[in-house]
Amino acid sequence: MADALFVDNMARPVALVGRVLNALCRAFAIGSGVTLILMALMSFTSVVGRSLFSTPILGDYELVQMMSAVAVTMALPFCQMIRGHIIVVFFTAGAPKKFNRACDVGACLVLSVAGFVFAWRITLGMLELRENGDASMLLNLPTWYGYLPMVPTFFLLGCAALYTAWVDIAGAKA
């Protein structure tokens, strides 16, 4: 059972670029897990406070919304590094390996472009929200705070997708 939790040990890169990307992706995934744990603890505390003492945590919904978006995005680069994204092979199961590899490279390149475009557009949106002074309703927390961790996360996703495409093209354990 424990082996299933560490399936990515075989996928550890040998090249320096791959090792650095792998370490960064793992750090972001750990940050995602910590964010989810904090969010769960906060929700639990708010529910208990609301039920027993009629004092919920003010703005808990706002914080859960922001933290959920951050946690989900921070897990994406690691998922790409270990090839953990869902792949539908219904139509390509019987296809030659070269065709499947070409499809994998194409998907990695599309994901890479999407990651870089998302990072760029989120940066522009974040700067606009900051300039406009947009804030949450109850806590008056600046909205752009939630976007801040997403920019490097999507950039890292783009880098991880480029790296995995390069590994597929090179055909080696880079």
N, C-alpha and C. Protein backbone atom coordinates (compact mmCIF):
# COMPACT_ATOMS: atom_id res chain seq x y z
N MET A 1 0.82 -1.19 0.00
CA MET A 1 0.00 0.00 0.00
C MET A 1 0.86 1.26 0.00
N ALA A 2 1.92 1.26 0.79
CA ALA A 2 2.78 2.43 0.86
C ALA A 2 3.49 2.67 -0.47
N ASP A 3 3.72 1.60 -1.24
CA ASP A 3 4.37 1.77 -2.54
C ASP A 3 3.53 2.63 -3.47
N ALA A 4 2.22 2.53 -3.34
CA ALA A 4 1.35 3.31 -4.21
C ALA A 4 1.46 4.80 -3.92
N LEU A 5 1.85 5.17 -2.73
CA LEU A 5 1.97 6.58 -2.39
C LEU A 5 3.23 7.21 -2.97
N PHE A 6 4.21 6.40 -3.28
CA PHE A 6 5.48 6.92 -3.74
C PHE A 6 5.83 6.41 -5.13
N VAL A 7 4.84 6.39 -6.02
CA VAL A 7 5.05 5.87 -7.37
C VAL A 7 5.99 6.76 -8.17
N ASP A 8 6.18 7.99 -7.75
CA ASP A 8 7.00 8.92 -8.50
C ASP A 8 8.50 8.73 -8.24
N ASN A 9 8.88 7.86 -7.31
CA ASN A 9 10.30 7.66 -7.03
C ASN A 9 11.06 7.18 -8.26
N MET A 10 10.40 6.41 -9.11
CA MET A 10 11.04 5.91 -10.32
C MET A 10 11.19 7.03 -11.36
N ALA A 11 10.40 8.06 -11.24
CA ALA A 11 10.38 9.13 -12.24
C ALA A 11 11.34 10.28 -11.89
N ARG A 12 12.20 10.09 -10.94
CA ARG A 12 13.12 11.17 -10.57
C ARG A 12 14.12 11.41 -11.67
N PRO A 13 14.22 12.64 -12.11
CA PRO A 13 15.13 12.96 -13.22
C PRO A 13 16.61 12.88 -12.80
N VAL A 14 17.44 12.66 -13.79
CA VAL A 14 18.88 12.57 -13.57
C VAL A 14 19.55 13.90 -13.88
N ALA A 15 19.09 14.58 -14.93
CA ALA A 15 19.70 15.84 -15.35
C ALA A 15 19.44 16.94 -14.32
N LEU A 16 20.34 17.91 -14.25
CA LEU A 16 20.24 18.99 -13.27
C LEU A 16 18.94 19.77 -13.43
N VAL A 17 18.57 20.12 -14.66
CA VAL A 17 17.34 20.88 -14.89
C VAL A 17 16.14 20.09 -14.38
N GLY A 18 16.12 18.81 -14.66
CA GLY A 18 15.02 17.97 -14.20
C GLY A 18 14.96 17.86 -12.69
N ARG A 19 16.12 17.74 -12.06
CA ARG A 19 16.15 17.64 -10.60
C ARG A 19 15.66 18.93 -9.95
N VAL A 20 16.08 20.07 -10.50
CA VAL A 20 15.63 21.35 -9.94
C VAL A 20 14.12 21.52 -10.13
N LEU A 21 13.63 21.22 -11.34
CA LEU A 21 12.20 21.32 -11.58
C LEU A 21 11.42 20.36 -10.69
N ASN A 22 11.92 19.16 -10.54
CA ASN A 22 11.26 18.17 -9.69
C ASN A 22 11.19 18.66 -8.25
N ALA A 23 12.29 19.22 -7.74
CA ALA A 23 12.31 19.73 -6.36
C ALA A 23 11.33 20.89 -6.20
N LEU A 24 11.30 21.79 -7.17
CA LEU A 24 10.36 22.92 -7.10
C LEU A 24 8.91 22.44 -7.15
N CYS A 25 8.64 21.50 -8.04
CA CYS A 25 7.28 20.97 -8.17
C CYS A 25 6.85 20.27 -6.88
N ARG A 26 7.78 19.54 -6.27
CA ARG A 26 7.47 18.87 -5.00
C ARG A 26 7.20 19.90 -3.90
N ALA A 27 8.00 20.97 -3.86
CA ALA A 27 7.80 22.01 -2.85
C ALA A 27 6.44 22.67 -3.02
N PHE A 28 6.04 22.94 -4.25
CA PHE A 28 4.73 23.53 -4.50
C PHE A 28 3.62 22.57 -4.11
N ALA A 29 3.81 21.27 -4.37
CA ALA A 29 2.80 20.27 -3.99
C ALA A 29 2.67 20.18 -2.47
N ILE A 30 3.79 20.27 -1.78
CA ILE A 30 3.75 20.28 -0.31
C ILE A 30 3.03 21.54 0.17
N GLY A 31 3.30 22.66 -0.45
CA GLY A 31 2.58 23.89 -0.13
C GLY A 31 1.09 23.75 -0.36
N SER A 32 0.72 23.04 -1.40
CA SER A 32 -0.68 22.77 -1.68
C SER A 32 -1.30 21.94 -0.56
N GLY A 33 -0.60 20.92 -0.14
CA GLY A 33 -1.10 20.08 0.95
C GLY A 33 -1.24 20.84 2.25
N VAL A 34 -0.26 21.67 2.56
CA VAL A 34 -0.32 22.48 3.78
C VAL A 34 -1.51 23.45 3.70
N THR A 35 -1.73 24.03 2.54
CA THR A 35 -2.86 24.94 2.36
C THR A 35 -4.18 24.21 2.58
N LEU A 36 -4.29 23.00 2.05
CA LEU A 36 -5.52 22.22 2.25
C LEU A 36 -5.73 21.86 3.71
N ILE A 37 -4.67 21.51 4.41
CA ILE A 37 -4.78 21.18 5.84
C ILE A 37 -5.21 22.42 6.63
N LEU A 38 -4.60 23.56 6.36
CA LEU A 38 -4.99 24.79 7.05
C LEU A 38 -6.44 25.16 6.76
N MET A 39 -6.84 24.96 5.52
CA MET A 39 -8.22 25.26 5.14
C MET A 39 -9.19 24.33 5.88
N ALA A 40 -8.85 23.05 5.98
CA ALA A 40 -9.71 22.11 6.70
C ALA A 40 -9.79 22.45 8.18
N LEU A 41 -8.66 22.80 8.77
CA LEU A 41 -8.66 23.17 10.19
C LEU A 41 -9.49 24.43 10.44
N MET A 42 -9.35 25.39 9.54
CA MET A 42 -10.12 26.62 9.68
C MET A 42 -11.61 26.34 9.54
N SER A 43 -11.99 25.51 8.57
CA SER A 43 -13.40 25.17 8.38
C SER A 43 -13.95 24.43 9.59
N PHE A 44 -13.18 23.49 10.11
CA PHE A 44 -13.59 22.75 11.30
C PHE A 44 -13.79 23.69 12.49
N THR A 45 -12.83 24.57 12.69
CA THR A 45 -12.92 25.53 13.79
C THR A 45 -14.13 26.44 13.63
N SER A 46 -14.40 26.85 12.42
CA SER A 46 -15.54 27.72 12.18
C SER A 46 -16.86 27.00 12.42
N VAL A 47 -16.96 25.75 11.97
CA VAL A 47 -18.19 24.98 12.17
C VAL A 47 -18.41 24.71 13.65
N VAL A 48 -17.35 24.31 14.36
CA VAL A 48 -17.48 24.06 15.81
C VAL A 48 -17.84 25.36 16.53
N GLY A 49 -17.18 26.45 16.16
CA GLY A 49 -17.48 27.74 16.79
C GLY A 49 -18.90 28.19 16.51
N ARG A 50 -19.38 27.93 15.30
CA ARG A 50 -20.75 28.31 14.94
C ARG A 50 -21.76 27.44 15.71
N SER A 51 -21.47 26.15 15.83
CA SER A 51 -22.41 25.21 16.46
C SER A 51 -22.45 25.36 17.98
N LEU A 52 -21.28 25.45 18.59
CA LEU A 52 -21.23 25.42 20.05
C LEU A 52 -21.27 26.80 20.71
N PHE A 53 -20.66 27.77 20.07
CA PHE A 53 -20.51 29.07 20.72
C PHE A 53 -21.16 30.22 19.96
N SER A 54 -21.80 29.92 18.84
CA SER A 54 -22.41 30.94 17.97
C SER A 54 -21.40 32.00 17.54
N THR A 55 -20.14 31.60 17.37
CA THR A 55 -19.09 32.52 16.92
C THR A 55 -18.26 31.86 15.82
N PRO A 56 -18.73 31.91 14.59
CA PRO A 56 -17.93 31.35 13.49
C PRO A 56 -16.75 32.26 13.17
N ILE A 57 -15.84 31.76 12.39
CA ILE A 57 -14.73 32.59 11.91
C ILE A 57 -15.26 33.53 10.85
N LEU A 58 -15.07 34.81 11.05
CA LEU A 58 -15.54 35.82 10.11
C LEU A 58 -14.80 35.66 8.77
N GLY A 59 -15.55 35.56 7.70
CA GLY A 59 -14.96 35.48 6.38
C GLY A 59 -14.41 34.12 6.01
N ASP A 60 -14.87 33.08 6.70
CA ASP A 60 -14.33 31.76 6.41
C ASP A 60 -14.61 31.32 4.98
N TYR A 61 -15.77 31.70 4.43
CA TYR A 61 -16.08 31.34 3.05
C TYR A 61 -15.13 32.03 2.07
N GLU A 62 -14.83 33.28 2.34
CA GLU A 62 -13.89 34.01 1.48
C GLU A 62 -12.52 33.36 1.50
N LEU A 63 -12.06 32.99 2.69
CA LEU A 63 -10.75 32.37 2.82
C LEU A 63 -10.71 30.99 2.17
N VAL A 64 -11.77 30.21 2.34
CA VAL A 64 -11.83 28.88 1.71
C VAL A 64 -11.80 29.02 0.19
N GLN A 65 -12.52 29.99 -0.33
CA GLN A 65 -12.54 30.21 -1.77
C GLN A 65 -11.14 30.53 -2.29
N MET A 66 -10.46 31.42 -1.63
CA MET A 66 -9.13 31.83 -2.06
C MET A 66 -8.12 30.70 -1.90
N MET A 67 -8.18 30.04 -0.75
CA MET A 67 -7.23 28.97 -0.47
C MET A 67 -7.45 27.75 -1.37
N SER A 68 -8.68 27.47 -1.74
CA SER A 68 -8.97 26.34 -2.64
C SER A 68 -8.33 26.57 -4.00
N ALA A 69 -8.49 27.75 -4.53
CA ALA A 69 -7.91 28.05 -5.84
C ALA A 69 -6.39 27.93 -5.80
N VAL A 70 -5.80 28.42 -4.73
CA VAL A 70 -4.34 28.36 -4.60
C VAL A 70 -3.88 26.91 -4.46
N ALA A 71 -4.57 26.13 -3.63
CA ALA A 71 -4.16 24.74 -3.39
C ALA A 71 -4.25 23.90 -4.66
N VAL A 72 -5.31 24.07 -5.42
CA VAL A 72 -5.48 23.28 -6.65
C VAL A 72 -4.39 23.62 -7.66
N THR A 73 -4.13 24.90 -7.86
CA THR A 73 -3.13 25.27 -8.85
C THR A 73 -1.72 24.85 -8.43
N MET A 74 -1.44 24.90 -7.14
CA MET A 74 -0.08 24.55 -6.69
C MET A 74 0.23 23.07 -6.87
N ALA A 75 -0.77 22.22 -7.02
CA ALA A 75 -0.54 20.79 -7.21
C ALA A 75 -0.31 20.44 -8.68
N LEU A 76 -0.67 21.30 -9.59
CA LEU A 76 -0.59 20.98 -11.03
C LEU A 76 0.83 20.71 -11.54
N PRO A 77 1.85 21.49 -11.19
CA PRO A 77 3.19 21.20 -11.74
C PRO A 77 3.72 19.83 -11.33
N PHE A 78 3.51 19.44 -10.08
CA PHE A 78 3.99 18.13 -9.63
C PHE A 78 3.26 17.02 -10.36
N CYS A 79 1.97 17.21 -10.56
CA CYS A 79 1.18 16.22 -11.29
C CYS A 79 1.73 16.04 -12.71
N GLN A 80 2.16 17.13 -13.32
CA GLN A 80 2.75 17.03 -14.66
C GLN A 80 4.11 16.34 -14.62
N MET A 81 4.91 16.64 -13.63
CA MET A 81 6.25 16.03 -13.54
C MET A 81 6.19 14.52 -13.39
N ILE A 82 5.19 14.03 -12.66
CA ILE A 82 5.09 12.57 -12.47
C ILE A 82 4.13 11.94 -13.47
N ARG A 83 3.67 12.73 -14.45
CA ARG A 83 2.74 12.26 -15.47
C ARG A 83 1.46 11.73 -14.83
N GLY A 84 0.95 12.49 -13.88
CA GLY A 84 -0.22 12.07 -13.14
C GLY A 84 -1.55 12.57 -13.68
N HIS A 85 -1.52 13.36 -14.75
CA HIS A 85 -2.77 13.85 -15.32
C HIS A 85 -3.52 12.70 -15.99
N ILE A 86 -4.81 12.81 -16.03
CA ILE A 86 -5.64 11.78 -16.65
C ILE A 86 -5.41 11.78 -18.16
N ILE A 87 -5.17 10.60 -18.67
CA ILE A 87 -4.97 10.44 -20.12
C ILE A 87 -6.01 9.44 -20.62
N VAL A 88 -6.75 9.82 -21.63
CA VAL A 88 -7.75 8.95 -22.21
C VAL A 88 -7.11 8.24 -23.40
N VAL A 89 -6.94 6.93 -23.28
CA VAL A 89 -6.25 6.17 -24.33
C VAL A 89 -7.23 5.28 -25.10
N PHE A 90 -8.50 5.60 -25.02
CA PHE A 90 -9.50 4.77 -25.68
C PHE A 90 -9.22 4.64 -27.18
N PHE A 91 -8.89 5.75 -27.84
CA PHE A 91 -8.67 5.73 -29.28
C PHE A 91 -7.24 5.38 -29.66
N THR A 92 -6.30 5.54 -28.74
CA THR A 92 -4.89 5.33 -29.09
C THR A 92 -4.29 4.08 -28.45
N ALA A 93 -5.10 3.27 -27.80
CA ALA A 93 -4.57 2.08 -27.12
C ALA A 93 -3.88 1.13 -28.10
N GLY A 94 -4.40 0.98 -29.28
CA GLY A 94 -3.80 0.07 -30.26
C GLY A 94 -2.86 0.76 -31.24
N ALA A 95 -2.62 2.04 -31.05
CA ALA A 95 -1.76 2.78 -31.98
C ALA A 95 -0.29 2.48 -31.72
N PRO A 96 0.55 2.71 -32.72
CA PRO A 96 1.99 2.50 -32.52
C PRO A 96 2.57 3.42 -31.45
N LYS A 97 3.69 2.99 -30.85
CA LYS A 97 4.31 3.77 -29.78
C LYS A 97 4.75 5.15 -30.26
N LYS A 98 5.22 5.25 -31.48
CA LYS A 98 5.65 6.56 -32.00
C LYS A 98 4.48 7.53 -32.06
N PHE A 99 3.32 7.04 -32.46
CA PHE A 99 2.14 7.90 -32.52
C PHE A 99 1.75 8.36 -31.12
N ASN A 100 1.75 7.43 -30.16
CA ASN A 100 1.41 7.79 -28.78
C ASN A 100 2.42 8.77 -28.20
N ARG A 101 3.70 8.58 -28.51
CA ARG A 101 4.72 9.52 -28.04
C ARG A 101 4.50 10.90 -28.65
N ALA A 102 4.16 10.94 -29.94
CA ALA A 102 3.89 12.22 -30.59
C ALA A 102 2.68 12.91 -29.96
N CYS A 103 1.66 12.13 -29.62
CA CYS A 103 0.49 12.70 -28.93
C CYS A 103 0.88 13.25 -27.56
N ASP A 104 1.72 12.51 -26.84
CA ASP A 104 2.18 12.97 -25.52
C ASP A 104 2.98 14.26 -25.64
N VAL A 105 3.87 14.32 -26.63
CA VAL A 105 4.67 15.54 -26.83
C VAL A 105 3.75 16.71 -27.17
N GLY A 106 2.81 16.47 -28.06
CA GLY A 106 1.86 17.53 -28.43
C GLY A 106 1.06 18.03 -27.24
N ALA A 107 0.59 17.09 -26.41
CA ALA A 107 -0.18 17.48 -25.22
C ALA A 107 0.69 18.27 -24.25
N CYS A 108 1.94 17.85 -24.08
CA CYS A 108 2.85 18.58 -23.18
C CYS A 108 3.11 19.99 -23.69
N LEU A 109 3.29 20.12 -25.00
CA LEU A 109 3.54 21.44 -25.58
C LEU A 109 2.32 22.35 -25.45
N VAL A 110 1.13 21.79 -25.67
CA VAL A 110 -0.09 22.58 -25.50
C VAL A 110 -0.25 23.01 -24.04
N LEU A 111 0.02 22.09 -23.11
CA LEU A 111 -0.06 22.42 -21.69
C LEU A 111 0.97 23.48 -21.31
N SER A 112 2.14 23.39 -21.91
CA SER A 112 3.18 24.37 -21.63
C SER A 112 2.74 25.77 -22.07
N VAL A 113 2.23 25.86 -23.26
CA VAL A 113 1.74 27.15 -23.76
C VAL A 113 0.62 27.66 -22.86
N ALA A 114 -0.30 26.76 -22.49
CA ALA A 114 -1.41 27.17 -21.62
C ALA A 114 -0.89 27.67 -20.27
N GLY A 115 0.10 26.97 -19.70
CA GLY A 115 0.66 27.40 -18.42
C GLY A 115 1.27 28.78 -18.49
N PHE A 116 2.05 29.03 -19.54
CA PHE A 116 2.69 30.35 -19.70
C PHE A 116 1.65 31.44 -19.98
N VAL A 117 0.64 31.14 -20.78
CA VAL A 117 -0.41 32.13 -21.07
C VAL A 117 -1.20 32.43 -19.80
N PHE A 118 -1.54 31.39 -19.04
CA PHE A 118 -2.26 31.62 -17.78
C PHE A 118 -1.43 32.48 -16.83
N ALA A 119 -0.15 32.20 -16.73
CA ALA A 119 0.71 33.00 -15.84
C ALA A 119 0.71 34.46 -16.28
N TRP A 120 0.80 34.69 -17.57
CA TRP A 120 0.81 36.05 -18.11
C TRP A 120 -0.52 36.76 -17.84
N ARG A 121 -1.63 36.07 -18.15
CA ARG A 121 -2.94 36.70 -18.00
C ARG A 121 -3.31 36.90 -16.52
N ILE A 122 -2.94 35.95 -15.67
CA ILE A 122 -3.21 36.11 -14.24
C ILE A 122 -2.40 37.27 -13.68
N THR A 123 -1.18 37.43 -14.17
CA THR A 123 -0.37 38.58 -13.74
C THR A 123 -1.06 39.89 -14.10
N LEU A 124 -1.55 39.98 -15.33
CA LEU A 124 -2.24 41.21 -15.75
C LEU A 124 -3.51 41.44 -14.94
N GLY A 125 -4.27 40.37 -14.72
CA GLY A 125 -5.49 40.49 -13.92
C GLY A 125 -5.20 40.88 -12.48
N MET A 126 -4.14 40.28 -11.93
CA MET A 126 -3.75 40.58 -10.55
C MET A 126 -3.34 42.06 -10.42
N LEU A 127 -2.57 42.54 -11.37
CA LEU A 127 -2.16 43.95 -11.32
C LEU A 127 -3.35 44.88 -11.45
N GLU A 128 -4.32 44.50 -12.27
CA GLU A 128 -5.52 45.33 -12.41
C GLU A 128 -6.34 45.32 -11.12
N LEU A 129 -6.47 44.16 -10.51
CA LEU A 129 -7.20 44.08 -9.23
C LEU A 129 -6.50 44.90 -8.15
N ARG A 130 -5.20 44.86 -8.16
CA ARG A 130 -4.43 45.64 -7.17
C ARG A 130 -4.62 47.13 -7.41
N GLU A 131 -4.58 47.53 -8.67
CA GLU A 131 -4.73 48.94 -9.01
C GLU A 131 -6.13 49.45 -8.66
N ASN A 132 -7.15 48.59 -8.87
CA ASN A 132 -8.53 48.99 -8.59
C ASN A 132 -8.88 48.93 -7.11
N GLY A 133 -8.05 48.26 -6.32
CA GLY A 133 -8.31 48.15 -4.89
C GLY A 133 -9.43 47.18 -4.55
N ASP A 134 -9.67 46.19 -5.42
CA ASP A 134 -10.72 45.21 -5.18
C ASP A 134 -10.41 44.41 -3.92
N ALA A 135 -11.43 44.19 -3.09
CA ALA A 135 -11.23 43.48 -1.83
C ALA A 135 -12.45 42.62 -1.53
N SER A 136 -12.26 41.64 -0.64
CA SER A 136 -13.36 40.75 -0.25
C SER A 136 -14.37 41.54 0.60
N MET A 137 -15.59 41.01 0.66
CA MET A 137 -16.67 41.76 1.30
C MET A 137 -16.54 41.82 2.82
N LEU A 138 -16.29 40.70 3.46
CA LEU A 138 -16.31 40.68 4.92
C LEU A 138 -14.97 41.06 5.54
N LEU A 139 -13.90 40.53 5.01
CA LEU A 139 -12.58 40.76 5.60
C LEU A 139 -11.86 41.97 5.01
N ASN A 140 -12.38 42.47 3.91
CA ASN A 140 -11.72 43.55 3.19
C ASN A 140 -10.28 43.15 2.81
N LEU A 141 -10.11 41.87 2.52
CA LEU A 141 -8.82 41.32 2.11
C LEU A 141 -8.63 41.59 0.62
N PRO A 142 -7.52 42.20 0.23
CA PRO A 142 -7.31 42.46 -1.20
C PRO A 142 -7.40 41.17 -2.03
N THR A 143 -8.20 41.21 -3.07
CA THR A 143 -8.43 40.03 -3.90
C THR A 143 -7.17 39.56 -4.59
N TRP A 144 -6.28 40.46 -4.90
CA TRP A 144 -5.09 40.08 -5.66
C TRP A 144 -4.16 39.18 -4.85
N TYR A 145 -4.32 39.14 -3.53
CA TYR A 145 -3.50 38.24 -2.71
C TYR A 145 -3.67 36.79 -3.14
N GLY A 146 -4.88 36.40 -3.50
CA GLY A 146 -5.14 35.03 -3.94
C GLY A 146 -4.51 34.70 -5.27
N TYR A 147 -4.29 35.72 -6.09
CA TYR A 147 -3.70 35.50 -7.41
C TYR A 147 -2.17 35.40 -7.35
N LEU A 148 -1.58 35.99 -6.32
CA LEU A 148 -0.12 36.06 -6.23
C LEU A 148 0.57 34.70 -6.31
N PRO A 149 0.16 33.67 -5.57
CA PRO A 149 0.86 32.39 -5.69
C PRO A 149 0.57 31.65 -7.00
N MET A 150 -0.49 32.05 -7.69
CA MET A 150 -0.84 31.36 -8.93
C MET A 150 0.10 31.71 -10.08
N VAL A 151 0.68 32.89 -10.06
CA VAL A 151 1.56 33.30 -11.15
C VAL A 151 2.79 32.39 -11.24
N PRO A 152 3.57 32.23 -10.17
CA PRO A 152 4.72 31.32 -10.29
C PRO A 152 4.30 29.86 -10.47
N THR A 153 3.12 29.51 -9.97
CA THR A 153 2.66 28.13 -10.12
C THR A 153 2.39 27.80 -11.58
N PHE A 154 1.70 28.67 -12.28
CA PHE A 154 1.43 28.41 -13.70
C PHE A 154 2.70 28.51 -14.53
N PHE A 155 3.61 29.40 -14.15
CA PHE A 155 4.89 29.45 -14.84
C PHE A 155 5.65 28.14 -14.65
N LEU A 156 5.65 27.63 -13.43
CA LEU A 156 6.30 26.35 -13.15
C LEU A 156 5.61 25.21 -13.90
N LEU A 157 4.31 25.26 -14.02
CA LEU A 157 3.59 24.25 -14.80
C LEU A 157 4.05 24.29 -16.26
N GLY A 158 4.20 25.48 -16.82
CA GLY A 158 4.69 25.60 -18.19
C GLY A 158 6.09 25.02 -18.34
N CYS A 159 6.95 25.30 -17.37
CA CYS A 159 8.31 24.76 -17.40
C CYS A 159 8.31 23.24 -17.27
N ALA A 160 7.49 22.71 -16.36
CA ALA A 160 7.41 21.26 -16.18
C ALA A 160 6.88 20.58 -17.44
N ALA A 161 5.91 21.18 -18.09
CA ALA A 161 5.36 20.60 -19.32
C ALA A 161 6.40 20.65 -20.45
N LEU A 162 7.15 21.74 -20.53
CA LEU A 162 8.23 21.80 -21.52
C LEU A 162 9.27 20.73 -21.26
N TYR A 163 9.62 20.55 -20.00
CA TYR A 163 10.61 19.54 -19.64
C TYR A 163 10.12 18.13 -19.99
N THR A 164 8.87 17.83 -19.66
CA THR A 164 8.36 16.49 -19.96
C THR A 164 8.25 16.27 -21.47
N ALA A 165 7.97 17.33 -22.22
CA ALA A 165 7.97 17.20 -23.68
C ALA A 165 9.38 16.90 -24.17
N TRP A 166 10.36 17.58 -23.60
CA TRP A 166 11.76 17.33 -23.99
C TRP A 166 12.17 15.90 -23.66
N VAL A 167 11.74 15.39 -22.52
CA VAL A 167 12.06 14.01 -22.15
C VAL A 167 11.42 13.05 -23.15
N ASP A 168 10.19 13.33 -23.56
CA ASP A 168 9.53 12.47 -24.55
C ASP A 168 10.22 12.53 -25.90
N ILE A 169 10.68 13.71 -26.29
CA ILE A 169 11.37 13.86 -27.57
C ILE A 169 12.73 13.19 -27.53
N ALA A 170 13.46 13.40 -26.44
CA ALA A 170 14.80 12.81 -26.32
C ALA A 170 14.73 11.29 -26.14
N GLY A 171 13.63 10.85 -25.58
CA GLY A 171 13.46 9.41 -25.38
C GLY A 171 14.36 8.83 -24.32
N ALA A 172 14.97 9.68 -23.54
CA ALA A 172 15.89 9.22 -22.49
C ALA A 172 15.37 9.63 -21.15
N LYS A 173 15.93 9.07 -20.11
CA LYS A 173 15.58 9.45 -18.75
C LYS A 173 16.41 10.68 -18.38
N ALA A 174 15.92 11.84 -18.82
CA ALA A 174 16.65 13.08 -18.60
C ALA A 174 16.39 13.52 -17.21
